[in-house]
N, C-alpha and C. Protein backbone atom coordinates (compact mmCIF):
# COMPACT_ATOMS: atom_id res chain seq x y z
N MET A 1 -8.26 -13.69 267.70
CA MET A 1 -7.95 -14.58 266.96
C MET A 1 -7.04 -15.46 268.49
N HIS A 2 -6.93 -16.19 268.17
CA HIS A 2 -6.38 -17.69 269.28
C HIS A 2 -4.85 -17.47 268.89
N GLU A 3 -4.39 -18.59 269.67
CA GLU A 3 -2.50 -17.91 269.85
C GLU A 3 -1.96 -19.23 269.22
N ASP A 4 -3.21 -20.03 269.43
CA ASP A 4 -2.47 -21.18 268.12
C ASP A 4 -3.15 -20.58 266.58
N HIS A 5 -3.38 -19.77 266.09
CA HIS A 5 -3.76 -19.76 264.68
C HIS A 5 -2.71 -19.27 264.04
N ALA A 6 -2.23 -19.79 263.18
CA ALA A 6 -1.28 -19.36 261.92
C ALA A 6 -1.30 -19.17 260.88
N GLU A 7 -2.73 -18.40 261.02
CA GLU A 7 -2.53 -16.75 260.55
C GLU A 7 -2.39 -15.83 261.05
N ALA A 8 -1.28 -14.46 260.66
CA ALA A 8 -1.10 -13.94 260.59
C ALA A 8 -1.90 -13.06 261.71
N VAL A 9 -1.86 -11.50 262.39
CA VAL A 9 -2.92 -10.68 262.63
C VAL A 9 -2.36 -9.15 262.55
N ARG A 10 -3.07 -8.13 262.88
CA ARG A 10 -2.38 -7.07 262.50
C ARG A 10 -2.99 -5.84 263.69
N ASP A 11 -1.96 -5.18 263.85
CA ASP A 11 -3.06 -3.86 264.25
C ASP A 11 -1.48 -3.51 265.82
N VAL A 12 -1.53 -2.44 266.40
CA VAL A 12 -0.39 -2.12 267.28
C VAL A 12 -0.40 -0.57 266.80
N SER A 13 -0.87 0.53 266.43
CA SER A 13 -0.60 1.85 266.25
C SER A 13 0.90 2.28 267.62
N GLY A 14 0.84 3.75 266.47
CA GLY A 14 1.93 4.28 266.93
C GLY A 14 3.10 4.20 266.56
N GLU A 15 4.69 4.65 266.66
CA GLU A 15 5.70 4.44 265.88
C GLU A 15 6.45 3.06 266.44
N PRO A 16 6.73 2.42 265.31
CA PRO A 16 7.43 1.43 265.44
C PRO A 16 8.66 1.65 265.70
N ARG A 17 9.30 1.05 266.35
CA ARG A 17 10.62 1.33 267.70
C ARG A 17 11.87 0.66 266.43
N PRO A 18 13.40 0.41 267.04
CA PRO A 18 14.10 0.31 266.85
C PRO A 18 13.34 -1.06 266.05
N HIS A 19 12.97 -0.70 265.06
CA HIS A 19 13.21 -1.71 263.24
C HIS A 19 14.20 -2.21 263.31
N GLN A 20 15.15 -3.55 263.20
CA GLN A 20 16.32 -3.28 263.25
C GLN A 20 16.95 -4.34 261.71
N ASN A 21 17.28 -4.00 260.55
CA ASN A 21 17.17 -5.17 259.72
C ASN A 21 18.63 -6.31 259.48
N ALA A 22 20.11 -5.47 260.35
CA ALA A 22 20.84 -6.29 260.55
C ALA A 22 20.54 -7.67 261.25
N GLY A 23 21.83 -8.41 260.82
CA GLY A 23 21.77 -9.56 261.91
C GLY A 23 20.73 -10.58 261.29
N HIS A 24 20.24 -10.67 260.44
CA HIS A 24 19.69 -11.25 260.24
C HIS A 24 19.95 -12.69 258.89
N ASP A 25 20.49 -13.61 258.64
CA ASP A 25 20.92 -13.92 257.63
C ASP A 25 20.31 -15.02 256.40
N HIS A 26 19.02 -15.07 256.36
CA HIS A 26 18.46 -16.42 256.15
C HIS A 26 17.90 -15.63 255.22
N ASP A 27 17.43 -16.59 253.88
CA ASP A 27 16.78 -16.39 253.11
C ASP A 27 14.97 -16.11 253.03
N HIS A 28 15.35 -14.52 252.73
CA HIS A 28 14.21 -13.65 252.38
C HIS A 28 12.95 -13.78 252.06
N GLY A 29 13.46 -15.00 251.07
CA GLY A 29 11.80 -14.69 250.52
C GLY A 29 11.53 -16.22 250.53
N SER A 30 11.91 -17.30 251.51
CA SER A 30 10.94 -18.31 252.19
C SER A 30 10.82 -17.96 253.62
N GLU A 31 9.71 -19.11 254.75
CA GLU A 31 9.37 -18.70 255.58
C GLU A 31 9.99 -19.86 256.55
N LEU A 32 10.39 -20.55 256.06
CA LEU A 32 11.64 -21.46 256.07
C LEU A 32 12.98 -21.60 256.24
N SER A 33 13.95 -21.34 257.11
CA SER A 33 15.15 -21.30 256.83
C SER A 33 15.48 -22.94 256.33
N GLU A 34 16.99 -23.10 255.96
CA GLU A 34 17.67 -23.92 254.92
C GLU A 34 17.77 -25.62 256.55
N VAL A 35 17.66 -24.88 257.37
CA VAL A 35 18.34 -26.24 258.62
C VAL A 35 16.39 -26.38 258.54
N GLU A 36 15.83 -25.64 258.80
CA GLU A 36 14.27 -25.68 259.17
C GLU A 36 13.53 -26.71 257.58
N LEU A 37 14.01 -26.48 256.47
CA LEU A 37 14.07 -27.34 255.34
C LEU A 37 14.33 -28.43 255.57
N ARG A 38 15.39 -28.76 256.00
CA ARG A 38 16.18 -30.12 256.49
C ARG A 38 15.24 -30.78 257.44
N VAL A 39 15.07 -30.22 258.59
CA VAL A 39 14.59 -30.63 259.63
C VAL A 39 12.87 -31.52 258.66
N ARG A 40 12.31 -31.34 258.66
CA ARG A 40 11.11 -31.52 257.94
C ARG A 40 11.20 -32.56 257.09
N ALA A 41 12.18 -32.60 256.56
CA ALA A 41 12.49 -33.54 255.49
C ALA A 41 12.78 -34.86 255.79
N LEU A 42 13.75 -34.44 256.97
CA LEU A 42 13.94 -36.12 257.73
C LEU A 42 12.51 -36.21 258.38
N GLU A 43 11.92 -34.96 259.18
CA GLU A 43 10.66 -35.73 259.64
C GLU A 43 10.37 -36.38 258.05
N THR A 44 10.05 -36.41 257.38
CA THR A 44 8.83 -36.34 256.09
C THR A 44 9.37 -38.09 256.19
N VAL A 45 10.80 -38.49 256.16
CA VAL A 45 11.66 -39.60 255.89
C VAL A 45 11.49 -41.16 256.60
N LEU A 46 10.93 -40.36 257.92
CA LEU A 46 11.59 -40.90 259.43
C LEU A 46 9.48 -41.14 259.87
N VAL A 47 9.42 -40.47 259.85
CA VAL A 47 7.59 -40.62 259.68
C VAL A 47 6.88 -41.85 258.98
N ALA A 48 7.59 -41.72 257.23
CA ALA A 48 7.47 -42.64 256.28
C ALA A 48 7.52 -44.17 256.24
N LYS A 49 9.21 -44.26 257.06
CA LYS A 49 9.74 -45.32 257.45
C LYS A 49 8.91 -45.75 258.76
N GLY A 50 7.61 -45.00 259.25
CA GLY A 50 7.60 -45.99 260.65
C GLY A 50 8.33 -45.92 261.69
N LEU A 51 9.43 -45.18 261.94
CA LEU A 51 10.06 -44.66 262.60
C LEU A 51 9.44 -43.83 263.68
N VAL A 52 9.23 -43.03 263.52
CA VAL A 52 8.77 -42.21 264.50
C VAL A 52 7.16 -41.55 263.78
N ASP A 53 6.44 -41.40 264.82
CA ASP A 53 5.06 -40.87 265.15
C ASP A 53 4.57 -39.58 265.27
N PRO A 54 3.65 -39.35 263.91
CA PRO A 54 3.55 -37.66 264.05
C PRO A 54 2.83 -37.32 265.35
N ALA A 55 2.20 -38.19 265.71
CA ALA A 55 1.72 -37.36 266.86
C ALA A 55 2.29 -37.40 268.01
N ALA A 56 3.67 -38.51 268.12
CA ALA A 56 4.51 -38.09 269.55
C ALA A 56 5.63 -36.95 269.00
N LEU A 57 5.28 -36.58 267.85
CA LEU A 57 6.19 -35.46 267.95
C LEU A 57 5.32 -34.01 268.18
N ASP A 58 3.91 -34.36 267.30
CA ASP A 58 3.30 -32.90 267.74
C ASP A 58 3.32 -32.74 269.11
N ALA A 59 3.12 -33.79 270.82
CA ALA A 59 3.01 -33.24 271.46
C ALA A 59 4.12 -32.95 272.05
N ILE A 60 5.03 -33.33 271.49
CA ILE A 60 6.57 -33.10 271.87
C ILE A 60 6.77 -31.23 271.50
N VAL A 61 5.85 -31.26 269.62
CA VAL A 61 6.14 -29.77 270.22
C VAL A 61 5.59 -28.84 270.64
N GLU A 62 4.33 -29.62 271.11
CA GLU A 62 3.00 -28.62 272.02
C GLU A 62 3.71 -28.57 273.61
N THR A 63 4.32 -29.24 273.73
CA THR A 63 4.42 -28.86 275.26
C THR A 63 5.93 -28.32 275.23
N TYR A 64 6.66 -27.68 274.34
CA TYR A 64 7.58 -26.43 273.93
C TYR A 64 7.35 -25.23 273.64
N GLU A 65 6.41 -25.50 272.92
CA GLU A 65 5.64 -24.53 272.29
C GLU A 65 5.32 -23.56 273.73
N THR A 66 3.62 -24.35 274.36
CA THR A 66 3.29 -24.05 274.69
C THR A 66 3.32 -24.28 276.95
N LYS A 67 3.64 -24.76 276.89
CA LYS A 67 3.93 -25.28 278.34
C LYS A 67 5.92 -24.76 279.13
N VAL A 68 6.38 -25.58 278.41
CA VAL A 68 7.96 -25.52 279.36
C VAL A 68 8.41 -24.36 279.21
N GLY A 69 8.49 -23.73 277.98
CA GLY A 69 9.32 -22.24 277.19
C GLY A 69 8.71 -21.70 278.57
N PRO A 70 7.38 -21.75 278.38
CA PRO A 70 6.52 -19.95 278.63
C PRO A 70 6.05 -19.98 280.14
N ARG A 71 6.39 -21.60 280.62
CA ARG A 71 6.44 -21.43 282.19
C ARG A 71 7.54 -21.22 283.00
N ASN A 72 9.20 -20.48 281.54
CA ASN A 72 9.96 -20.53 282.47
C ASN A 72 9.18 -18.74 282.23
N GLY A 73 9.09 -17.92 281.36
CA GLY A 73 8.98 -16.62 281.19
C GLY A 73 8.52 -16.00 282.31
N ALA A 74 6.94 -16.97 283.01
CA ALA A 74 5.89 -16.50 283.71
C ALA A 74 6.68 -16.60 284.72
N GLN A 75 7.49 -17.46 285.23
CA GLN A 75 8.59 -17.00 286.67
C GLN A 75 9.17 -15.81 286.21
N VAL A 76 9.26 -15.58 285.69
CA VAL A 76 10.07 -14.30 285.57
C VAL A 76 9.49 -12.98 285.44
N VAL A 77 8.70 -13.15 284.98
CA VAL A 77 6.88 -12.01 284.88
C VAL A 77 6.93 -11.81 286.46
N ALA A 78 6.32 -12.54 286.67
CA ALA A 78 5.32 -12.60 288.38
C ALA A 78 7.27 -13.04 289.22
N HIS A 79 8.19 -13.37 289.17
CA HIS A 79 9.21 -12.83 290.00
C HIS A 79 9.24 -10.88 290.41
N ALA A 80 9.91 -10.75 289.25
CA ALA A 80 9.49 -9.06 288.34
C ALA A 80 8.08 -8.54 289.46
N TRP A 81 7.50 -8.70 288.74
CA TRP A 81 6.53 -7.65 289.81
C TRP A 81 6.39 -8.39 291.52
N SER A 82 6.72 -9.22 291.69
CA SER A 82 7.27 -9.42 293.30
C SER A 82 8.57 -8.67 294.34
N ASP A 83 9.15 -8.76 293.44
CA ASP A 83 10.54 -8.20 293.40
C ASP A 83 10.87 -6.76 293.02
N PRO A 84 10.79 -5.46 293.17
CA PRO A 84 10.70 -4.52 292.73
C PRO A 84 12.49 -4.09 292.42
N ALA A 85 13.17 -4.72 293.50
CA ALA A 85 14.84 -4.41 292.67
C ALA A 85 14.54 -6.04 291.31
N PHE A 86 14.99 -6.54 291.40
CA PHE A 86 15.02 -7.61 290.38
C PHE A 86 14.53 -7.14 289.15
N LYS A 87 12.87 -7.05 289.80
CA LYS A 87 12.35 -6.23 288.11
C LYS A 87 13.48 -5.01 287.22
N ALA A 88 14.37 -3.84 288.11
CA ALA A 88 15.12 -2.92 288.15
C ALA A 88 16.84 -3.79 287.01
N ARG A 89 16.21 -4.49 288.03
CA ARG A 89 17.95 -5.46 286.91
C ARG A 89 17.27 -6.00 285.77
N LEU A 90 16.24 -6.01 285.96
CA LEU A 90 15.38 -7.21 284.87
C LEU A 90 15.42 -6.36 283.22
N LEU A 91 15.21 -4.76 283.90
CA LEU A 91 13.99 -4.03 283.01
C LEU A 91 15.86 -2.79 282.39
N GLU A 92 17.08 -3.69 283.12
CA GLU A 92 18.51 -2.80 282.91
C GLU A 92 19.41 -4.01 281.86
N ASP A 93 19.66 -5.15 282.74
CA ASP A 93 20.21 -6.27 281.72
C ASP A 93 19.33 -7.23 281.58
N GLY A 94 18.10 -7.81 280.71
CA GLY A 94 17.64 -8.83 280.35
C GLY A 94 17.42 -10.41 280.99
N ALA A 95 18.87 -10.69 279.85
CA ALA A 95 19.41 -11.75 280.03
C ALA A 95 20.42 -12.45 281.31
N LYS A 96 20.86 -11.19 281.25
CA LYS A 96 21.78 -11.37 282.73
C LYS A 96 20.85 -11.39 284.59
N ALA A 97 19.50 -10.86 284.27
CA ALA A 97 18.96 -10.50 285.35
C ALA A 97 18.17 -12.11 285.51
N ILE A 98 18.10 -12.81 283.86
CA ILE A 98 16.98 -14.06 283.53
C ILE A 98 18.04 -15.58 284.27
N ARG A 99 18.97 -15.16 283.91
CA ARG A 99 20.11 -16.19 284.25
C ARG A 99 19.40 -16.27 286.07
N GLU A 100 20.02 -15.42 286.69
CA GLU A 100 19.85 -15.46 288.43
C GLU A 100 18.87 -16.59 288.45
N LEU A 101 17.88 -16.80 287.86
CA LEU A 101 16.03 -17.33 288.35
C LEU A 101 17.13 -18.47 287.34
N GLY A 102 18.08 -18.63 287.02
CA GLY A 102 18.24 -20.56 286.11
C GLY A 102 18.80 -20.96 284.57
N TYR A 103 17.59 -19.50 283.93
CA TYR A 103 17.49 -19.99 282.66
C TYR A 103 18.05 -18.97 281.71
N GLY A 104 18.55 -20.19 280.51
CA GLY A 104 19.60 -19.31 279.70
C GLY A 104 19.87 -20.82 279.04
N GLY A 105 21.11 -20.24 277.83
CA GLY A 105 21.33 -20.83 276.73
C GLY A 105 20.23 -20.60 276.20
N ARG A 106 21.09 -21.26 274.66
CA ARG A 106 20.76 -20.26 273.01
C ARG A 106 19.86 -20.21 272.98
N GLY A 107 19.73 -18.68 271.98
CA GLY A 107 18.57 -17.31 271.89
C GLY A 107 18.55 -17.33 273.42
N GLY A 108 19.05 -17.47 274.37
CA GLY A 108 18.83 -15.85 275.84
C GLY A 108 20.03 -15.45 275.77
N GLU A 109 21.35 -16.21 274.82
CA GLU A 109 22.56 -14.86 275.14
C GLU A 109 22.13 -13.37 275.59
N HIS A 110 20.94 -12.85 274.95
CA HIS A 110 20.61 -11.35 274.47
C HIS A 110 19.84 -10.57 274.80
N ILE A 111 18.77 -10.81 275.93
CA ILE A 111 17.57 -10.78 275.90
C ILE A 111 17.12 -8.76 276.33
N ALA A 112 16.30 -8.65 275.79
CA ALA A 112 15.67 -6.83 275.79
C ALA A 112 14.41 -7.40 276.63
N VAL A 113 14.43 -6.62 278.27
CA VAL A 113 13.26 -6.54 278.19
C VAL A 113 12.23 -5.41 278.38
N VAL A 114 11.37 -5.11 277.74
CA VAL A 114 10.39 -3.91 277.56
C VAL A 114 8.86 -4.18 278.68
N GLU A 115 8.94 -3.28 279.26
CA GLU A 115 8.03 -3.04 280.04
C GLU A 115 6.65 -2.38 279.74
N ASN A 116 6.05 -3.19 279.57
CA ASN A 116 4.06 -2.47 279.38
C ASN A 116 3.77 -1.70 280.26
N THR A 117 3.26 -0.36 280.14
CA THR A 117 2.93 0.47 281.29
C THR A 117 1.21 0.76 280.84
N ALA A 118 0.71 1.83 281.39
CA ALA A 118 -0.58 1.77 281.26
C ALA A 118 -0.83 3.19 279.93
N GLY A 119 0.10 3.55 279.22
CA GLY A 119 0.21 4.26 278.08
C GLY A 119 1.51 3.97 277.58
N ILE A 120 1.39 3.05 277.26
CA ILE A 120 2.97 2.02 276.55
C ILE A 120 2.40 0.37 275.97
N HIS A 121 3.08 0.16 274.79
CA HIS A 121 2.74 -1.30 275.11
C HIS A 121 3.19 -1.95 274.33
N ASN A 122 3.87 -3.01 274.21
CA ASN A 122 5.43 -3.16 273.87
C ASN A 122 4.53 -4.97 272.83
N LEU A 123 4.83 -4.56 271.33
CA LEU A 123 4.70 -5.69 270.73
C LEU A 123 6.03 -6.77 269.96
N VAL A 124 6.58 -8.03 269.81
CA VAL A 124 8.03 -8.20 269.87
C VAL A 124 7.03 -8.90 268.12
N VAL A 125 8.45 -8.84 267.31
CA VAL A 125 8.05 -9.37 266.63
C VAL A 125 9.60 -10.00 265.35
N CYS A 126 10.29 -10.82 264.69
CA CYS A 126 11.10 -10.81 263.76
C CYS A 126 10.72 -10.40 262.69
N THR A 127 11.34 -9.13 261.79
CA THR A 127 10.78 -8.84 260.89
C THR A 127 11.04 -10.39 259.91
N LEU A 128 12.44 -10.44 259.35
CA LEU A 128 13.03 -11.95 258.64
C LEU A 128 12.87 -12.75 258.75
N CYS A 129 13.28 -13.28 259.72
CA CYS A 129 13.03 -14.14 259.87
C CYS A 129 12.11 -14.89 261.24
N SER A 130 12.91 -15.77 262.46
CA SER A 130 11.84 -16.37 263.74
C SER A 130 12.57 -16.13 264.46
N ARG A 131 13.08 -15.34 265.25
CA ARG A 131 14.28 -15.05 266.09
C ARG A 131 13.70 -15.02 267.79
N TYR A 132 13.85 -15.50 268.34
CA TYR A 132 12.73 -15.69 269.49
C TYR A 132 13.70 -15.95 270.82
N PRO A 133 12.97 -15.73 272.04
CA PRO A 133 14.06 -15.88 273.13
C PRO A 133 13.63 -17.32 273.94
N TRP A 134 14.00 -18.23 273.45
CA TRP A 134 13.66 -20.16 273.38
C TRP A 134 14.13 -20.43 274.89
N PRO A 135 15.01 -19.22 275.65
CA PRO A 135 15.09 -20.47 277.32
C PRO A 135 13.54 -19.87 278.36
N VAL A 136 12.55 -18.78 277.76
CA VAL A 136 12.00 -18.37 278.55
C VAL A 136 10.66 -17.96 277.83
N LEU A 137 10.59 -18.31 276.56
CA LEU A 137 9.70 -18.35 276.10
C LEU A 137 8.91 -19.74 275.30
N GLY A 138 9.79 -20.98 275.16
CA GLY A 138 9.96 -22.23 274.43
C GLY A 138 10.20 -21.96 273.42
N LEU A 139 9.62 -22.45 271.75
CA LEU A 139 9.44 -22.75 270.60
C LEU A 139 8.42 -21.68 270.03
N PRO A 140 8.77 -21.01 268.99
CA PRO A 140 7.51 -19.73 268.27
C PRO A 140 6.43 -20.41 267.82
N PRO A 141 5.94 -19.89 267.92
CA PRO A 141 3.93 -20.57 267.18
C PRO A 141 4.26 -20.07 266.21
N VAL A 142 3.36 -20.98 265.64
CA VAL A 142 3.57 -21.05 263.34
C VAL A 142 3.30 -19.59 263.87
N TRP A 143 2.46 -18.75 264.16
CA TRP A 143 2.12 -17.81 263.19
C TRP A 143 2.80 -16.78 263.83
N TYR A 144 3.62 -16.63 264.38
CA TYR A 144 5.02 -15.57 264.81
C TYR A 144 5.81 -16.06 263.65
N LYS A 145 5.93 -16.88 262.72
CA LYS A 145 7.15 -16.92 262.43
C LYS A 145 6.22 -16.49 260.52
N SER A 146 5.27 -16.97 260.73
CA SER A 146 4.46 -16.52 259.73
C SER A 146 4.63 -15.26 258.66
N ALA A 147 4.89 -15.43 257.18
CA ALA A 147 5.27 -13.66 256.69
C ALA A 147 3.49 -12.23 257.04
N PRO A 148 2.39 -13.54 257.37
CA PRO A 148 1.74 -11.94 257.84
C PRO A 148 1.95 -11.45 258.62
N TYR A 149 2.41 -11.91 259.81
CA TYR A 149 2.62 -11.29 261.07
C TYR A 149 3.59 -10.22 260.98
N ARG A 150 4.76 -10.72 260.38
CA ARG A 150 6.41 -10.55 260.85
C ARG A 150 6.11 -9.79 259.86
N SER A 151 5.40 -8.98 258.59
CA SER A 151 5.08 -7.68 257.67
C SER A 151 3.75 -6.66 258.30
N ARG A 152 3.25 -7.80 258.76
CA ARG A 152 1.70 -6.55 259.34
C ARG A 152 1.66 -6.18 260.79
N ALA A 153 2.33 -6.93 261.53
CA ALA A 153 2.91 -6.66 263.33
C ALA A 153 3.75 -5.15 262.94
N VAL A 154 4.68 -4.76 261.83
CA VAL A 154 4.98 -3.17 261.89
C VAL A 154 4.13 -2.87 261.26
N ILE A 155 3.43 -3.26 259.83
CA ILE A 155 2.81 -1.81 259.20
C ILE A 155 1.25 -1.69 260.15
N ASP A 156 0.32 -2.46 260.48
CA ASP A 156 -0.57 -2.52 261.66
C ASP A 156 -0.81 -2.87 262.76
N PRO A 157 0.44 -2.80 263.53
CA PRO A 157 0.15 -3.55 264.86
C PRO A 157 -1.11 -3.97 265.50
N ARG A 158 -2.01 -2.18 266.06
CA ARG A 158 -2.95 -1.90 266.70
C ARG A 158 -3.43 -3.29 266.41
N GLY A 159 -4.07 -3.27 264.28
CA GLY A 159 -5.26 -3.99 263.77
C GLY A 159 -4.61 -5.71 264.37
N VAL A 160 -3.00 -5.28 264.10
CA VAL A 160 -2.76 -6.94 264.57
C VAL A 160 -2.87 -7.60 266.17
N ILE A 161 -3.27 -7.05 267.35
CA ILE A 161 -3.15 -7.14 268.54
C ILE A 161 -4.83 -6.97 268.74
N ALA A 162 -5.07 -6.53 267.77
CA ALA A 162 -7.02 -6.24 267.74
C ALA A 162 -7.12 -7.67 267.54
N GLU A 163 -6.79 -8.44 266.39
CA GLU A 163 -7.25 -9.94 265.65
C GLU A 163 -6.87 -10.95 267.13
N PHE A 164 -6.03 -10.49 267.72
CA PHE A 164 -5.88 -11.30 268.87
C PHE A 164 -7.02 -11.31 270.27
N GLY A 165 -7.64 -10.06 270.56
CA GLY A 165 -8.58 -9.94 271.36
C GLY A 165 -7.85 -8.97 271.89
N VAL A 166 -6.97 -8.25 271.65
CA VAL A 166 -6.51 -7.67 272.67
C VAL A 166 -6.79 -5.32 272.27
N HIS A 167 -7.29 -4.95 272.61
CA HIS A 167 -8.30 -4.29 272.32
C HIS A 167 -7.98 -2.19 273.43
N LEU A 168 -7.12 -1.93 271.95
CA LEU A 168 -6.38 -0.36 273.79
C LEU A 168 -6.78 1.06 273.43
N PRO A 169 -7.19 1.33 274.30
CA PRO A 169 -7.19 2.73 274.07
C PRO A 169 -6.23 3.83 273.05
N GLU A 170 -7.12 4.27 272.45
CA GLU A 170 -6.12 4.86 271.21
C GLU A 170 -5.31 5.79 271.60
N ASP A 171 -4.85 6.26 272.82
CA ASP A 171 -4.23 7.07 273.31
C ASP A 171 -2.79 6.64 273.72
N THR A 172 -2.62 5.06 273.45
CA THR A 172 -1.84 4.22 274.52
C THR A 172 -0.64 4.04 272.60
N GLU A 173 0.06 3.86 272.93
CA GLU A 173 1.19 4.18 272.56
C GLU A 173 2.13 2.75 272.12
N ILE A 174 2.05 2.25 271.13
CA ILE A 174 2.51 0.98 270.43
C ILE A 174 3.51 1.35 269.79
N ARG A 175 4.58 0.10 270.77
CA ARG A 175 5.95 0.14 270.09
C ARG A 175 6.23 -1.76 270.06
N VAL A 176 6.84 -1.45 268.62
CA VAL A 176 6.98 -2.64 267.71
C VAL A 176 8.81 -2.94 267.51
N TRP A 177 9.24 -4.13 268.74
CA TRP A 177 10.17 -4.33 268.49
C TRP A 177 10.34 -5.26 267.71
N ASP A 178 11.81 -5.09 266.62
CA ASP A 178 12.01 -6.19 266.23
C ASP A 178 13.75 -7.33 266.15
N SER A 179 13.53 -8.42 266.15
CA SER A 179 14.27 -9.06 267.43
C SER A 179 15.37 -9.83 265.97
N THR A 180 16.96 -9.83 266.31
CA THR A 180 17.68 -10.44 265.87
C THR A 180 18.25 -11.25 265.91
N SER A 181 19.88 -11.24 265.29
CA SER A 181 20.27 -12.65 265.83
C SER A 181 20.83 -11.83 266.82
N GLU A 182 21.00 -10.69 267.12
CA GLU A 182 22.07 -10.20 268.46
C GLU A 182 20.92 -9.90 269.25
N MET A 183 19.74 -8.98 268.97
CA MET A 183 18.87 -8.78 270.32
C MET A 183 17.26 -10.54 270.19
N ARG A 184 16.81 -10.49 271.44
CA ARG A 184 15.82 -10.81 270.90
C ARG A 184 15.07 -9.83 271.98
N TYR A 185 13.89 -10.14 272.57
CA TYR A 185 12.77 -8.81 273.08
C TYR A 185 11.60 -10.12 274.18
N LEU A 186 11.83 -9.68 275.14
CA LEU A 186 10.56 -10.35 276.32
C LEU A 186 9.69 -9.35 276.54
N VAL A 187 8.17 -9.28 276.92
CA VAL A 187 7.98 -8.23 277.43
C VAL A 187 6.92 -8.20 278.84
N LEU A 188 7.17 -7.60 279.32
CA LEU A 188 7.33 -7.62 281.00
C LEU A 188 5.49 -6.91 281.15
N PRO A 189 4.39 -7.58 280.98
CA PRO A 189 3.36 -7.21 281.00
C PRO A 189 3.06 -6.49 281.83
N MET A 190 2.22 -5.36 282.44
CA MET A 190 1.42 -4.31 283.15
C MET A 190 0.84 -5.89 284.83
N ARG A 191 1.34 -5.43 285.80
CA ARG A 191 0.29 -7.20 287.07
C ARG A 191 -1.09 -6.17 287.07
N PRO A 192 -1.99 -7.69 286.62
CA PRO A 192 -3.46 -7.38 287.24
C PRO A 192 -3.45 -6.53 288.78
N ALA A 193 -4.60 -5.84 288.94
CA ALA A 193 -5.15 -5.49 289.86
C ALA A 193 -5.70 -6.71 290.47
N GLY A 194 -6.27 -6.64 291.70
CA GLY A 194 -6.24 -7.11 292.42
C GLY A 194 -5.89 -8.61 292.75
N THR A 195 -4.57 -8.19 293.21
CA THR A 195 -3.43 -9.57 293.06
C THR A 195 -3.02 -9.19 294.03
N GLU A 196 -2.70 -8.09 294.66
CA GLU A 196 -1.79 -7.71 295.81
C GLU A 196 -1.99 -8.86 296.68
N GLY A 197 -0.67 -8.99 297.54
CA GLY A 197 -0.33 -9.86 298.29
C GLY A 197 -0.24 -11.85 297.87
N TRP A 198 -0.75 -12.11 296.72
CA TRP A 198 -0.28 -12.84 296.09
C TRP A 198 0.42 -13.65 295.55
N SER A 199 1.24 -15.18 295.71
CA SER A 199 2.42 -15.82 295.97
C SER A 199 3.31 -15.61 294.42
N GLU A 200 4.75 -15.97 293.88
CA GLU A 200 4.60 -15.82 292.97
C GLU A 200 4.61 -17.07 291.91
N GLU A 201 3.90 -17.82 292.12
CA GLU A 201 3.24 -19.07 292.12
C GLU A 201 1.94 -18.51 291.79
N ARG A 202 1.35 -18.03 292.08
CA ARG A 202 -0.22 -17.47 291.92
C ARG A 202 -0.24 -16.67 290.22
N LEU A 203 1.01 -15.68 291.03
CA LEU A 203 1.29 -14.84 289.63
C LEU A 203 1.75 -15.41 288.75
N ALA A 204 2.36 -16.26 288.32
CA ALA A 204 2.45 -16.78 287.47
C ALA A 204 2.12 -17.59 286.52
N ALA A 205 1.04 -18.01 287.19
CA ALA A 205 -0.53 -18.70 286.38
C ALA A 205 -1.16 -18.01 286.09
N LEU A 206 -0.95 -16.26 286.12
CA LEU A 206 -1.65 -15.18 285.25
C LEU A 206 -0.89 -14.91 284.06
N VAL A 207 0.19 -15.48 283.28
CA VAL A 207 0.93 -15.21 282.59
C VAL A 207 0.94 -16.05 281.90
N THR A 208 0.78 -15.20 280.27
CA THR A 208 0.84 -17.00 279.48
C THR A 208 1.85 -16.27 278.04
N ARG A 209 2.05 -16.55 277.45
CA ARG A 209 2.84 -16.91 275.85
C ARG A 209 2.68 -15.43 275.76
N ASP A 210 0.90 -16.07 274.99
CA ASP A 210 1.09 -14.52 274.18
C ASP A 210 1.52 -12.95 274.65
N CYS A 211 1.38 -12.71 275.69
CA CYS A 211 1.41 -11.55 276.61
C CYS A 211 2.83 -11.61 277.29
N MET A 212 3.60 -12.35 276.76
CA MET A 212 5.56 -11.61 276.83
C MET A 212 5.91 -11.75 275.77
N ILE A 213 4.86 -11.63 274.66
CA ILE A 213 5.22 -11.28 273.05
C ILE A 213 4.86 -10.42 272.64
N GLY A 214 3.49 -10.30 273.71
CA GLY A 214 2.32 -8.62 273.17
C GLY A 214 1.32 -8.50 272.64
N THR A 215 1.40 -10.04 272.25
CA THR A 215 0.22 -9.88 271.48
C THR A 215 -1.18 -10.74 272.19
N GLY A 216 -1.29 -10.66 273.24
CA GLY A 216 -1.69 -10.56 274.99
C GLY A 216 -1.77 -9.65 275.65
N LEU A 217 -2.74 -10.30 276.54
CA LEU A 217 -2.36 -9.55 278.03
C LEU A 217 -2.92 -10.51 279.38
N PRO A 218 -2.75 -10.60 279.92
CA PRO A 218 -2.46 -12.00 281.46
C PRO A 218 -3.66 -12.20 282.23
N LEU A 219 -3.68 -12.76 282.38
CA LEU A 219 -5.46 -13.27 282.44
C LEU A 219 -5.75 -12.85 283.92
N TRP A 220 -7.16 -12.78 283.71
CA TRP A 220 -7.46 -12.28 284.80
C TRP A 220 -7.32 -13.30 285.61
N PRO A 221 -7.51 -12.18 287.61
CA PRO A 221 -7.47 -12.83 288.52
C PRO A 221 -8.22 -14.72 288.49
N ASP A 222 -9.34 -13.73 288.45
CA ASP A 222 -10.77 -14.70 288.61
C ASP A 222 -10.62 -16.20 287.89
N ALA A 223 -9.63 -15.90 286.40
CA ALA A 223 -9.31 -16.21 285.38
C ALA A 223 -8.29 -18.11 286.28
N ALA A 224 -7.56 -17.49 287.25
CA ALA A 224 -6.60 -18.53 287.68
C ALA A 224 -7.13 -18.82 289.28
N GLN A 225 -8.35 -19.10 289.86
CA GLN A 225 -8.67 -19.14 290.35
C GLN A 225 -9.73 -20.83 290.67
């Protein structure tokens, strides 16, 4: 499944980790919050009156969803790959370490960073709404907010990530982290082999939004050449 698909996915085995329900104050029966519904209604009116170009809005959303935000997260990951001391601080207190690089603000007050290893793969979801670490990932993709992804990521995580093209060994433990208003999560993917001596700029080019959610893996070095 492509990272921009609105359909949800399945897969990721292993025991779901801290599956917390506290901290969500949205209506569980709707995929859109009250604020999101109001924004959509306002957008409809503005477009109907010719005051807003829907194509321009789409371009802005696309920029923050796939470029600006994820680019910040990629810098965080690349720095962690290059600086063991920073990586240790990042895993100990994600939000604090991320602020060292100048990234913070709403949605980034409390961020826990979970590390992928040869035997552990992490997947992030928000089962009751769409909590997301905005300062480092930008706007959440549509599929992240969809009901199918939010439910299946917990029930069948291995199947979900397989639909994104991630196929892991059966003995890989898959941990599912449920974001809440109190805590957002960011995945620290494994550094690709063959990148020894690379600059942080080159390393950041390998880091995708999906690999920081857990529905993808970093690009192969050849892809960044």
